[in-house]
Amino acid sequence: MQKIILTLAVAILIAGGLWGLKYAQPQKSETLSASAGLLKLDEEIYDFGSISMAKGKVNHKFKITNSGTDPLKVEKIYTSCMCTEATLILGGKSYGPYGMPGHGFVPRADQTLAPNEEAEILVEFDPAAHGPAGVGYIERAVIIEDDSGPIADFMIKTTVTP
């Protein structure tokens, strides 16, 4: 009986540890290394202040730059919540929008930034997406990945009012 309890306890601890690793967030840094370059963010957090559900969607553009000497491949862009979408603007063209995985199809970005090339990520937040229960303080993340995983993340925050 004790062996069964011990085995179950160890299995639960291992499963909990693996689950925690799956949802670990990448460390924030102004410049993060990628497989072929360095992705520099002009800002990590944008605060919309207080916004009203009744006034509709709000957006903000984040500037990113490949500050490395090699091309940087942006494989994926996604958000932490379905109320937020991100669009990559590169070379005068828009790619996306990219949303939250698990809430519909999220296309791959598959775009390359040349050395010193700049792009923008247009982040759009819909304060009414969660309905009347969605009032209060919120934070949402946008994550950029190359083929090895997350290379950058940045956030929006706001206080939603009715």
N, C-alpha and C. Protein backbone atom coordinates (compact mmCIF):
# COMPACT_ATOMS: atom_id res chain seq x y z
N MET A 1 0.83 -1.19 0.00
CA MET A 1 0.00 0.00 0.00
C MET A 1 0.87 1.26 0.00
N GLN A 2 1.95 1.22 0.82
CA GLN A 2 2.83 2.38 0.88
C GLN A 2 3.55 2.61 -0.45
N LYS A 3 3.89 1.52 -1.14
CA LYS A 3 4.54 1.66 -2.44
C LYS A 3 3.61 2.32 -3.45
N ILE A 4 2.34 2.00 -3.41
CA ILE A 4 1.37 2.60 -4.33
C ILE A 4 1.24 4.08 -4.05
N ILE A 5 1.14 4.45 -2.79
CA ILE A 5 1.01 5.87 -2.42
C ILE A 5 2.27 6.63 -2.83
N LEU A 6 3.44 6.06 -2.56
CA LEU A 6 4.69 6.70 -2.94
C LEU A 6 4.80 6.86 -4.45
N THR A 7 4.43 5.83 -5.20
CA THR A 7 4.46 5.89 -6.66
C THR A 7 3.52 6.96 -7.18
N LEU A 8 2.32 7.03 -6.63
CA LEU A 8 1.36 8.07 -7.04
C LEU A 8 1.88 9.47 -6.72
N ALA A 9 2.48 9.64 -5.56
CA ALA A 9 3.01 10.95 -5.17
C ALA A 9 4.11 11.39 -6.13
N VAL A 10 5.02 10.48 -6.46
CA VAL A 10 6.10 10.81 -7.39
C VAL A 10 5.54 11.14 -8.77
N ALA A 11 4.57 10.37 -9.24
CA ALA A 11 3.95 10.62 -10.55
C ALA A 11 3.28 11.98 -10.59
N ILE A 12 2.60 12.35 -9.51
CA ILE A 12 1.94 13.66 -9.45
C ILE A 12 2.97 14.79 -9.47
N LEU A 13 4.05 14.63 -8.72
CA LEU A 13 5.11 15.65 -8.72
C LEU A 13 5.74 15.81 -10.10
N ILE A 14 6.01 14.72 -10.77
CA ILE A 14 6.60 14.79 -12.11
C ILE A 14 5.63 15.45 -13.08
N ALA A 15 4.37 15.04 -13.05
CA ALA A 15 3.36 15.64 -13.95
C ALA A 15 3.22 17.13 -13.68
N GLY A 16 3.21 17.53 -12.42
CA GLY A 16 3.11 18.95 -12.08
C GLY A 16 4.31 19.74 -12.57
N GLY A 17 5.49 19.16 -12.45
CA GLY A 17 6.69 19.83 -12.94
C GLY A 17 6.68 20.00 -14.45
N LEU A 18 6.26 18.97 -15.17
CA LEU A 18 6.18 19.06 -16.63
C LEU A 18 5.13 20.08 -17.05
N TRP A 19 4.01 20.11 -16.36
CA TRP A 19 2.95 21.08 -16.68
C TRP A 19 3.47 22.51 -16.46
N GLY A 20 4.20 22.73 -15.37
CA GLY A 20 4.76 24.05 -15.09
C GLY A 20 5.75 24.49 -16.15
N LEU A 21 6.58 23.57 -16.62
CA LEU A 21 7.54 23.91 -17.68
C LEU A 21 6.84 24.29 -18.97
N LYS A 22 5.73 23.64 -19.27
CA LYS A 22 4.99 23.92 -20.50
C LYS A 22 4.51 25.36 -20.54
N TYR A 23 4.13 25.91 -19.40
CA TYR A 23 3.56 27.25 -19.36
C TYR A 23 4.53 28.30 -18.85
N ALA A 24 5.79 27.98 -18.75
CA ALA A 24 6.79 28.96 -18.32
C ALA A 24 6.90 30.06 -19.36
N GLN A 25 7.01 31.29 -18.92
CA GLN A 25 7.12 32.44 -19.81
C GLN A 25 8.58 32.74 -20.11
N PRO A 26 8.88 33.20 -21.32
CA PRO A 26 10.26 33.58 -21.61
C PRO A 26 10.64 34.81 -20.80
N GLN A 27 11.92 34.94 -20.48
CA GLN A 27 12.36 36.10 -19.73
C GLN A 27 12.30 37.34 -20.60
N LYS A 28 11.88 38.45 -20.00
CA LYS A 28 11.79 39.70 -20.73
C LYS A 28 13.17 40.34 -20.80
N SER A 29 13.45 40.92 -21.94
CA SER A 29 14.70 41.61 -22.15
C SER A 29 14.51 42.56 -23.32
N GLU A 30 15.16 43.71 -23.24
CA GLU A 30 15.01 44.69 -24.32
C GLU A 30 15.55 44.15 -25.64
N THR A 31 16.64 43.41 -25.59
CA THR A 31 17.19 42.78 -26.79
C THR A 31 17.36 41.30 -26.49
N LEU A 32 16.71 40.46 -27.27
CA LEU A 32 16.76 39.02 -27.06
C LEU A 32 17.47 38.37 -28.24
N SER A 33 18.33 37.40 -27.96
CA SER A 33 19.04 36.75 -29.05
C SER A 33 18.13 35.76 -29.75
N ALA A 34 18.35 35.61 -31.02
CA ALA A 34 17.61 34.65 -31.83
C ALA A 34 18.63 33.79 -32.55
N SER A 35 18.16 32.83 -33.31
CA SER A 35 19.08 31.90 -33.96
C SER A 35 20.01 32.60 -34.93
N ALA A 36 19.55 33.62 -35.62
CA ALA A 36 20.38 34.24 -36.65
C ALA A 36 20.58 35.73 -36.45
N GLY A 37 20.00 36.31 -35.43
CA GLY A 37 20.12 37.75 -35.24
C GLY A 37 19.66 38.14 -33.86
N LEU A 38 19.50 39.42 -33.66
CA LEU A 38 19.03 39.95 -32.40
C LEU A 38 17.78 40.77 -32.66
N LEU A 39 16.72 40.49 -31.93
CA LEU A 39 15.48 41.23 -32.08
C LEU A 39 15.39 42.27 -30.98
N LYS A 40 15.39 43.53 -31.38
CA LYS A 40 15.33 44.63 -30.43
C LYS A 40 13.92 45.21 -30.43
N LEU A 41 13.39 45.44 -29.24
CA LEU A 41 12.07 46.03 -29.07
C LEU A 41 12.22 47.49 -28.66
N ASP A 42 11.38 48.38 -29.21
CA ASP A 42 11.46 49.78 -28.79
C ASP A 42 10.81 49.98 -27.43
N GLU A 43 9.89 49.10 -27.04
CA GLU A 43 9.26 49.15 -25.72
C GLU A 43 8.71 47.77 -25.39
N GLU A 44 8.63 47.46 -24.10
CA GLU A 44 8.15 46.15 -23.68
C GLU A 44 6.71 46.18 -23.20
N ILE A 45 6.26 47.31 -22.69
CA ILE A 45 4.90 47.42 -22.15
C ILE A 45 4.28 48.72 -22.63
N TYR A 46 3.03 48.63 -23.10
CA TYR A 46 2.27 49.83 -23.44
C TYR A 46 1.01 49.85 -22.58
N ASP A 47 0.76 50.98 -21.94
CA ASP A 47 -0.40 51.15 -21.06
C ASP A 47 -1.42 52.04 -21.76
N PHE A 48 -2.59 51.47 -22.09
CA PHE A 48 -3.67 52.25 -22.69
C PHE A 48 -4.36 53.16 -21.68
N GLY A 49 -4.07 52.99 -20.40
CA GLY A 49 -4.79 53.73 -19.37
C GLY A 49 -6.17 53.12 -19.18
N SER A 50 -7.14 53.96 -18.91
CA SER A 50 -8.51 53.49 -18.73
C SER A 50 -9.25 53.60 -20.07
N ILE A 51 -9.89 52.50 -20.49
CA ILE A 51 -10.65 52.52 -21.74
C ILE A 51 -12.04 51.96 -21.49
N SER A 52 -12.99 52.42 -22.31
CA SER A 52 -14.38 52.01 -22.17
C SER A 52 -14.73 50.92 -23.18
N MET A 53 -15.45 49.91 -22.70
CA MET A 53 -15.97 48.87 -23.60
C MET A 53 -16.81 49.48 -24.70
N ALA A 54 -17.60 50.47 -24.34
CA ALA A 54 -18.55 51.08 -25.27
C ALA A 54 -17.86 51.78 -26.43
N LYS A 55 -16.62 52.21 -26.25
CA LYS A 55 -15.92 52.95 -27.31
C LYS A 55 -15.20 52.04 -28.30
N GLY A 56 -15.20 50.74 -28.05
CA GLY A 56 -14.65 49.80 -29.03
C GLY A 56 -13.17 49.54 -28.91
N LYS A 57 -12.63 48.94 -29.96
CA LYS A 57 -11.25 48.46 -29.99
C LYS A 57 -10.23 49.59 -29.94
N VAL A 58 -9.06 49.28 -29.36
CA VAL A 58 -7.92 50.21 -29.33
C VAL A 58 -6.71 49.47 -29.89
N ASN A 59 -5.72 50.23 -30.38
CA ASN A 59 -4.52 49.57 -30.90
C ASN A 59 -3.28 50.40 -30.63
N HIS A 60 -2.14 49.74 -30.75
CA HIS A 60 -0.84 50.38 -30.56
C HIS A 60 0.18 49.63 -31.41
N LYS A 61 1.13 50.37 -31.98
CA LYS A 61 2.20 49.77 -32.78
C LYS A 61 3.49 49.69 -31.96
N PHE A 62 4.07 48.49 -31.93
CA PHE A 62 5.38 48.26 -31.33
C PHE A 62 6.39 48.13 -32.46
N LYS A 63 7.53 48.80 -32.33
CA LYS A 63 8.58 48.71 -33.34
C LYS A 63 9.57 47.63 -32.92
N ILE A 64 9.93 46.76 -33.89
CA ILE A 64 10.96 45.75 -33.66
C ILE A 64 12.05 45.93 -34.71
N THR A 65 13.28 45.60 -34.34
CA THR A 65 14.42 45.75 -35.25
C THR A 65 15.33 44.54 -35.13
N ASN A 66 15.78 44.02 -36.27
CA ASN A 66 16.81 42.99 -36.26
C ASN A 66 18.14 43.71 -36.12
N SER A 67 18.68 43.74 -34.92
CA SER A 67 19.94 44.45 -34.68
C SER A 67 21.15 43.55 -34.87
N GLY A 68 20.93 42.34 -35.36
CA GLY A 68 22.03 41.42 -35.61
C GLY A 68 22.64 41.62 -36.99
N THR A 69 23.62 40.78 -37.30
CA THR A 69 24.30 40.87 -38.59
C THR A 69 23.80 39.82 -39.59
N ASP A 70 22.91 38.95 -39.14
CA ASP A 70 22.34 37.91 -40.00
C ASP A 70 20.83 38.08 -40.09
N PRO A 71 20.21 37.55 -41.14
CA PRO A 71 18.74 37.60 -41.23
C PRO A 71 18.10 36.89 -40.04
N LEU A 72 16.93 37.37 -39.64
CA LEU A 72 16.19 36.80 -38.52
C LEU A 72 14.83 36.32 -39.02
N LYS A 73 14.55 35.06 -38.85
CA LYS A 73 13.29 34.47 -39.33
C LYS A 73 12.26 34.52 -38.20
N VAL A 74 11.16 35.21 -38.45
CA VAL A 74 10.03 35.24 -37.52
C VAL A 74 9.08 34.14 -37.97
N GLU A 75 9.02 33.06 -37.20
CA GLU A 75 8.19 31.91 -37.55
C GLU A 75 6.74 32.09 -37.11
N LYS A 76 6.56 32.52 -35.84
CA LYS A 76 5.22 32.62 -35.26
C LYS A 76 5.06 33.91 -34.47
N ILE A 77 3.84 34.40 -34.47
CA ILE A 77 3.43 35.51 -33.61
C ILE A 77 2.08 35.09 -33.03
N TYR A 78 1.92 35.21 -31.73
CA TYR A 78 0.63 34.88 -31.13
C TYR A 78 0.41 35.70 -29.87
N THR A 79 -0.83 35.69 -29.39
CA THR A 79 -1.22 36.48 -28.22
C THR A 79 -1.65 35.57 -27.09
N SER A 80 -1.74 36.15 -25.89
CA SER A 80 -2.09 35.37 -24.70
C SER A 80 -3.59 35.27 -24.47
N CYS A 81 -4.39 35.99 -25.26
CA CYS A 81 -5.84 35.97 -25.06
C CYS A 81 -6.55 36.25 -26.37
N MET A 82 -7.74 35.70 -26.51
CA MET A 82 -8.51 35.87 -27.74
C MET A 82 -9.01 37.30 -27.95
N CYS A 83 -8.93 38.13 -26.92
CA CYS A 83 -9.38 39.52 -27.05
C CYS A 83 -8.32 40.41 -27.71
N THR A 84 -7.16 39.84 -28.01
CA THR A 84 -6.03 40.59 -28.54
C THR A 84 -5.52 39.94 -29.82
N GLU A 85 -5.25 40.76 -30.83
CA GLU A 85 -4.67 40.29 -32.09
C GLU A 85 -3.43 41.10 -32.42
N ALA A 86 -2.50 40.49 -33.12
CA ALA A 86 -1.27 41.16 -33.54
C ALA A 86 -1.10 40.99 -35.04
N THR A 87 -0.68 42.06 -35.71
CA THR A 87 -0.43 42.04 -37.15
C THR A 87 1.00 42.52 -37.39
N LEU A 88 1.77 41.77 -38.16
CA LEU A 88 3.13 42.15 -38.53
C LEU A 88 3.07 43.06 -39.74
N ILE A 89 3.73 44.21 -39.66
CA ILE A 89 3.83 45.13 -40.79
C ILE A 89 5.31 45.19 -41.18
N LEU A 90 5.62 44.65 -42.36
CA LEU A 90 7.00 44.51 -42.81
C LEU A 90 7.08 44.87 -44.28
N GLY A 91 7.93 45.83 -44.61
CA GLY A 91 8.11 46.21 -46.01
C GLY A 91 6.84 46.73 -46.66
N GLY A 92 6.01 47.42 -45.89
CA GLY A 92 4.77 47.97 -46.43
C GLY A 92 3.64 46.97 -46.58
N LYS A 93 3.87 45.72 -46.19
CA LYS A 93 2.83 44.69 -46.27
C LYS A 93 2.42 44.26 -44.87
N SER A 94 1.16 43.85 -44.74
CA SER A 94 0.64 43.37 -43.46
C SER A 94 0.48 41.85 -43.50
N TYR A 95 0.88 41.20 -42.41
CA TYR A 95 0.75 39.75 -42.27
C TYR A 95 0.00 39.47 -40.97
N GLY A 96 -1.03 38.63 -41.07
CA GLY A 96 -1.83 38.32 -39.90
C GLY A 96 -3.28 38.62 -40.19
N PRO A 97 -4.10 38.83 -39.21
CA PRO A 97 -3.76 38.96 -37.78
C PRO A 97 -3.49 37.61 -37.14
N TYR A 98 -2.70 37.67 -36.07
CA TYR A 98 -2.36 36.49 -35.29
C TYR A 98 -3.03 36.63 -33.93
N GLY A 99 -3.63 35.55 -33.48
CA GLY A 99 -4.36 35.58 -32.21
C GLY A 99 -3.83 34.55 -31.24
N MET A 100 -4.74 34.11 -30.38
CA MET A 100 -4.41 33.15 -29.34
C MET A 100 -4.50 31.72 -29.88
N PRO A 101 -3.45 30.93 -29.68
CA PRO A 101 -3.53 29.53 -30.09
C PRO A 101 -4.68 28.83 -29.35
N GLY A 102 -5.38 27.99 -30.06
CA GLY A 102 -6.50 27.29 -29.46
C GLY A 102 -7.84 27.97 -29.67
N HIS A 103 -7.82 29.19 -30.17
CA HIS A 103 -9.05 29.93 -30.47
C HIS A 103 -9.10 30.18 -31.97
N GLY A 104 -9.25 29.13 -32.72
CA GLY A 104 -9.26 29.25 -34.17
C GLY A 104 -7.86 29.08 -34.73
N PHE A 105 -7.77 29.12 -36.04
CA PHE A 105 -6.51 28.93 -36.74
C PHE A 105 -5.62 30.15 -36.59
N VAL A 106 -4.38 29.95 -36.18
CA VAL A 106 -3.39 31.02 -36.11
C VAL A 106 -2.33 30.71 -37.16
N PRO A 107 -2.29 31.49 -38.24
CA PRO A 107 -1.32 31.21 -39.31
C PRO A 107 0.12 31.46 -38.86
N ARG A 108 1.05 30.82 -39.52
CA ARG A 108 2.47 31.07 -39.26
C ARG A 108 2.86 32.39 -39.92
N ALA A 109 3.78 33.09 -39.31
CA ALA A 109 4.25 34.35 -39.89
C ALA A 109 5.22 34.07 -41.04
N ASP A 110 6.24 33.26 -40.80
CA ASP A 110 7.23 32.88 -41.80
C ASP A 110 7.75 34.08 -42.60
N GLN A 111 8.22 35.10 -41.89
CA GLN A 111 8.79 36.29 -42.52
C GLN A 111 10.21 36.49 -42.00
N THR A 112 11.06 37.10 -42.82
CA THR A 112 12.45 37.31 -42.46
C THR A 112 12.77 38.79 -42.39
N LEU A 113 13.43 39.20 -41.31
CA LEU A 113 13.93 40.56 -41.17
C LEU A 113 15.42 40.55 -41.51
N ALA A 114 15.81 41.37 -42.46
CA ALA A 114 17.22 41.51 -42.81
C ALA A 114 17.95 42.24 -41.68
N PRO A 115 19.27 42.16 -41.65
CA PRO A 115 20.01 42.90 -40.63
C PRO A 115 19.64 44.39 -40.65
N ASN A 116 19.39 44.95 -39.50
CA ASN A 116 19.00 46.36 -39.28
C ASN A 116 17.63 46.71 -39.84
N GLU A 117 16.88 45.73 -40.32
CA GLU A 117 15.54 46.01 -40.84
C GLU A 117 14.56 46.19 -39.67
N GLU A 118 13.67 47.16 -39.85
CA GLU A 118 12.64 47.43 -38.85
C GLU A 118 11.29 46.92 -39.34
N ALA A 119 10.46 46.57 -38.40
CA ALA A 119 9.08 46.18 -38.68
C ALA A 119 8.23 46.69 -37.52
N GLU A 120 6.93 46.58 -37.69
CA GLU A 120 6.01 46.97 -36.62
C GLU A 120 5.07 45.81 -36.33
N ILE A 121 4.66 45.73 -35.09
CA ILE A 121 3.62 44.80 -34.68
C ILE A 121 2.45 45.66 -34.21
N LEU A 122 1.36 45.63 -34.97
CA LEU A 122 0.14 46.35 -34.60
C LEU A 122 -0.66 45.44 -33.68
N VAL A 123 -0.85 45.87 -32.43
CA VAL A 123 -1.59 45.09 -31.45
C VAL A 123 -2.95 45.75 -31.26
N GLU A 124 -4.01 44.96 -31.46
CA GLU A 124 -5.37 45.45 -31.32
C GLU A 124 -6.06 44.71 -30.17
N PHE A 125 -6.63 45.47 -29.25
CA PHE A 125 -7.32 44.91 -28.08
C PHE A 125 -8.79 45.27 -28.15
N ASP A 126 -9.65 44.27 -27.97
CA ASP A 126 -11.10 44.47 -27.96
C ASP A 126 -11.60 44.39 -26.52
N PRO A 127 -11.90 45.54 -25.89
CA PRO A 127 -12.32 45.52 -24.49
C PRO A 127 -13.67 44.85 -24.26
N ALA A 128 -14.47 44.69 -25.31
CA ALA A 128 -15.79 44.07 -25.16
C ALA A 128 -15.76 42.56 -25.40
N ALA A 129 -14.62 42.00 -25.72
CA ALA A 129 -14.54 40.58 -26.09
C ALA A 129 -15.00 39.64 -24.98
N HIS A 130 -14.81 40.02 -23.74
CA HIS A 130 -15.18 39.16 -22.61
C HIS A 130 -16.55 39.51 -22.03
N GLY A 131 -17.24 40.44 -22.67
CA GLY A 131 -18.57 40.81 -22.19
C GLY A 131 -18.51 41.60 -20.88
N PRO A 132 -19.66 41.72 -20.21
CA PRO A 132 -19.74 42.52 -18.98
C PRO A 132 -18.78 42.07 -17.87
N ALA A 133 -18.40 40.81 -17.87
CA ALA A 133 -17.49 40.31 -16.84
C ALA A 133 -16.05 40.74 -17.09
N GLY A 134 -15.78 41.36 -18.24
CA GLY A 134 -14.41 41.71 -18.61
C GLY A 134 -13.94 43.07 -18.14
N VAL A 135 -14.59 43.66 -17.15
CA VAL A 135 -14.14 44.97 -16.65
C VAL A 135 -13.04 44.77 -15.62
N GLY A 136 -12.20 45.80 -15.48
CA GLY A 136 -11.11 45.76 -14.52
C GLY A 136 -9.76 45.81 -15.21
N TYR A 137 -8.73 45.61 -14.42
CA TYR A 137 -7.35 45.67 -14.91
C TYR A 137 -7.00 44.41 -15.70
N ILE A 138 -6.34 44.57 -16.83
CA ILE A 138 -5.90 43.42 -17.63
C ILE A 138 -4.47 43.64 -18.14
N GLU A 139 -3.80 42.55 -18.40
CA GLU A 139 -2.51 42.53 -19.10
C GLU A 139 -2.59 41.43 -20.15
N ARG A 140 -2.11 41.71 -21.34
CA ARG A 140 -2.08 40.72 -22.42
C ARG A 140 -0.70 40.74 -23.05
N ALA A 141 -0.23 39.57 -23.46
CA ALA A 141 1.11 39.44 -24.03
C ALA A 141 1.04 39.11 -25.52
N VAL A 142 2.08 39.53 -26.23
CA VAL A 142 2.31 39.14 -27.62
C VAL A 142 3.68 38.45 -27.63
N ILE A 143 3.73 37.28 -28.23
CA ILE A 143 4.95 36.49 -28.24
C ILE A 143 5.40 36.29 -29.69
N ILE A 144 6.71 36.46 -29.92
CA ILE A 144 7.31 36.23 -31.24
C ILE A 144 8.27 35.06 -31.10
N GLU A 145 8.19 34.11 -32.05
CA GLU A 145 9.06 32.94 -32.02
C GLU A 145 9.84 32.79 -33.32
N ASP A 146 11.06 32.25 -33.19
CA ASP A 146 11.78 31.75 -34.36
C ASP A 146 11.68 30.23 -34.32
N ASP A 147 12.48 29.52 -35.10
CA ASP A 147 12.35 28.06 -35.14
C ASP A 147 12.80 27.36 -33.87
N SER A 148 13.47 28.08 -32.97
CA SER A 148 13.92 27.47 -31.71
C SER A 148 13.01 27.81 -30.53
N GLY A 149 12.01 28.67 -30.73
CA GLY A 149 11.10 29.03 -29.65
C GLY A 149 10.96 30.53 -29.48
N PRO A 150 10.43 30.97 -28.33
CA PRO A 150 10.20 32.40 -28.10
C PRO A 150 11.50 33.21 -28.15
N ILE A 151 11.46 34.33 -28.88
CA ILE A 151 12.62 35.23 -28.94
C ILE A 151 12.29 36.61 -28.40
N ALA A 152 11.00 36.91 -28.25
CA ALA A 152 10.61 38.21 -27.70
C ALA A 152 9.17 38.14 -27.23
N ASP A 153 8.87 38.91 -26.21
CA ASP A 153 7.49 39.10 -25.82
C ASP A 153 7.33 40.51 -25.27
N PHE A 154 6.16 41.06 -25.49
CA PHE A 154 5.85 42.38 -24.96
C PHE A 154 4.38 42.41 -24.58
N MET A 155 3.97 43.46 -23.85
CA MET A 155 2.64 43.46 -23.26
C MET A 155 1.89 44.76 -23.49
N ILE A 156 0.57 44.62 -23.42
CA ILE A 156 -0.30 45.78 -23.29
C ILE A 156 -1.00 45.63 -21.95
N LYS A 157 -1.37 46.75 -21.37
CA LYS A 157 -2.16 46.71 -20.15
C LYS A 157 -3.16 47.86 -20.18
N THR A 158 -4.24 47.69 -19.45
CA THR A 158 -5.28 48.70 -19.41
C THR A 158 -6.24 48.39 -18.27
N THR A 159 -7.08 49.34 -17.97
CA THR A 159 -8.21 49.12 -17.08
C THR A 159 -9.46 49.32 -17.91
N VAL A 160 -10.27 48.27 -18.01
CA VAL A 160 -11.49 48.29 -18.83
C VAL A 160 -12.67 48.74 -17.97
N THR A 161 -13.41 49.71 -18.49
CA THR A 161 -14.63 50.19 -17.83
C THR A 161 -15.82 49.90 -18.74
N PRO A 162 -17.04 49.89 -18.18
CA PRO A 162 -18.23 49.58 -19.01
C PRO A 162 -18.47 50.52 -20.17
